[in-house]
Structure formats: C-alpha cells, structure tokens
C-alpha cells in the first residue's frame, strides 16, 4: 500500500500594525486580531539583526506591503509566523542569535 504524501500547511499571518513601545520593544498586531509584545534585544546579533542595536535604525521598522511582515531599512525582517507565535519561537531565536554572535567573534 502506498503512503499518501501529506501536505503540511501553515497559516499565513499578516502584520497589520506595529508600534514602538520601548527600546527594542514592539507591539505587533496581526490580521487575526492577535497581538504580540516582543522584546527584540536578545536576538539583535549578527550582521543583519545586530545593526538594529542602533535604536534609531530599529525604530524605523515598517510593514512590508507585499510580505506583510516587519522590515527595516537595512534589509532585516522576520517571518510573520515567527512573530505571530513568538512565545513558541523565542528560545530558538535567542539560541540562533548566540550562534551569530559567536560566529562574529570567530571571524574578527
């Protein structure tokens, strides 16, 4: 008997509003009325996200009109599902950021 291939579908979330609520902190609203308040400071490491430690740059966050996610002028962005389900992804994002920081130290 052949196994049927199962298609994995995940919900596509759209960011509809963003507000800066503190240093490196954003309130992100989604099209399903979910709201996440996210402290990004722990993940601001590496060549792309590390640049956002410049608070003036961080505060220039906008919503990409096509991808409906957060974007910054330096090209940094986050997957909307990650933002929507931040509590689920926060620890893995912090771990990735630590690896980026270690890679930067090795390269220096």
Protein backbone atom coordinates (compact mmCIF):
# COMPACT_ATOMS: atom_id res chain seq x y z
CA UNK A 1 0.00 0.00 0.00
CA UNK A 2 1.34 3.42 -0.96
CA UNK A 3 1.72 6.07 1.64
CA UNK A 4 -0.09 9.23 0.76
CA UNK A 5 2.03 12.33 0.82
CA UNK A 6 0.71 14.72 3.36
CA UNK A 7 0.91 18.36 2.60
CA UNK A 8 1.94 20.50 5.52
CA UNK A 9 0.03 23.73 5.63
CA UNK A 10 0.67 26.53 8.00
CA UNK A 11 -1.40 29.61 8.50
CA UNK A 12 -0.21 32.69 6.70
CA UNK A 13 -0.31 35.61 9.08
CA UNK A 14 -0.17 39.25 8.08
CA UNK A 15 1.13 42.06 10.23
CA UNK A 16 -1.41 44.89 10.13
CA UNK A 17 0.11 47.35 12.61
CA UNK A 18 3.29 47.89 14.59
CA UNK A 19 4.09 50.30 17.41
CA UNK A 20 7.38 51.00 19.13
CA UNK A 21 6.61 50.65 22.84
CA UNK A 22 10.11 50.92 24.29
CA UNK A 23 13.77 50.38 23.50
CA UNK A 24 13.88 47.39 21.12
CA UNK A 25 10.28 46.54 22.02
CA UNK A 26 7.40 46.39 19.55
CA UNK A 27 3.69 45.74 19.77
CA UNK A 28 2.80 43.77 16.65
CA UNK A 29 -0.81 43.32 15.55
CA UNK A 30 -1.96 40.63 13.11
CA UNK A 31 -4.89 40.12 10.78
CA UNK A 32 -6.42 37.55 13.14
CA UNK A 33 -6.52 40.13 15.99
CA UNK A 34 -3.55 38.52 17.75
CA UNK A 35 -1.16 40.97 19.42
CA UNK A 36 2.41 40.20 20.46
CA UNK A 37 4.62 42.48 22.53
CA UNK A 38 8.17 41.47 21.66
CA UNK A 39 11.48 42.46 23.21
CA UNK A 40 13.90 42.04 20.31
CA UNK A 41 17.07 42.96 22.23
CA UNK A 42 18.09 39.31 22.92
CA UNK A 43 18.06 38.46 19.19
CA UNK A 44 19.80 41.57 17.86
CA UNK A 45 23.07 39.91 16.97
CA UNK A 46 24.90 39.03 13.78
CA UNK A 47 25.49 41.12 10.67
CA UNK A 48 21.84 41.87 9.85
CA UNK A 49 19.99 41.96 13.17
CA UNK A 50 22.98 43.32 15.11
CA UNK A 51 22.75 46.56 13.15
CA UNK A 52 19.34 47.10 14.76
CA UNK A 53 21.05 47.79 18.08
CA UNK A 54 21.26 51.31 16.67
CA UNK A 55 17.97 52.37 18.22
CA UNK A 56 17.37 54.99 15.53
CA UNK A 57 17.55 52.22 12.90
CA UNK A 58 15.43 49.85 15.00
CA UNK A 59 12.71 52.49 15.32
CA UNK A 60 12.49 52.78 11.51
CA UNK A 61 10.56 49.49 11.40
CA UNK A 62 7.78 49.36 8.82
CA UNK A 63 5.39 46.77 7.42
CA UNK A 64 6.34 45.35 4.05
CA UNK A 65 3.29 45.88 1.78
CA UNK A 66 3.83 42.57 -0.07
CA UNK A 67 5.10 40.18 2.62
CA UNK A 68 3.04 41.79 5.43
CA UNK A 69 5.83 41.44 7.95
CA UNK A 70 8.22 43.74 9.78
CA UNK A 71 11.12 45.13 7.77
CA UNK A 72 13.93 47.59 8.42
CA UNK A 73 15.91 49.80 6.01
CA UNK A 74 18.99 47.53 6.29
CA UNK A 75 17.05 44.52 4.93
CA UNK A 76 16.35 42.85 8.27
CA UNK A 77 12.97 41.15 8.52
CA UNK A 78 11.23 38.38 10.43
CA UNK A 79 8.90 35.65 9.22
CA UNK A 80 5.33 36.66 10.12
CA UNK A 81 4.60 33.22 11.61
CA UNK A 82 7.61 33.58 13.92
CA UNK A 83 6.35 36.97 15.09
CA UNK A 84 2.77 35.72 15.48
CA UNK A 85 3.85 32.73 17.55
CA UNK A 86 6.78 34.44 19.28
CA UNK A 87 6.48 32.55 22.59
CA UNK A 88 6.92 29.30 20.64
CA UNK A 89 9.99 30.57 18.73
CA UNK A 90 11.62 32.94 21.22
CA UNK A 91 14.07 30.46 22.75
CA UNK A 92 15.26 29.13 19.39
CA UNK A 93 15.68 32.70 18.12
CA UNK A 94 17.80 33.54 21.17
CA UNK A 95 19.94 30.45 20.56
CA UNK A 96 20.43 31.39 16.90
CA UNK A 97 21.42 34.90 17.94
CA UNK A 98 24.05 33.47 20.29
CA UNK A 99 25.48 31.41 17.42
CA UNK A 100 25.59 34.52 15.22
CA UNK A 101 27.46 36.37 17.95
CA UNK A 102 29.96 33.51 18.32
CA UNK A 103 30.47 33.39 14.53
CA UNK A 104 31.18 37.14 14.52
CA UNK A 105 33.80 36.72 17.29
CA UNK A 106 35.50 33.90 15.35
CA UNK A 107 35.56 35.99 12.18
CA UNK A 108 37.10 39.00 13.94
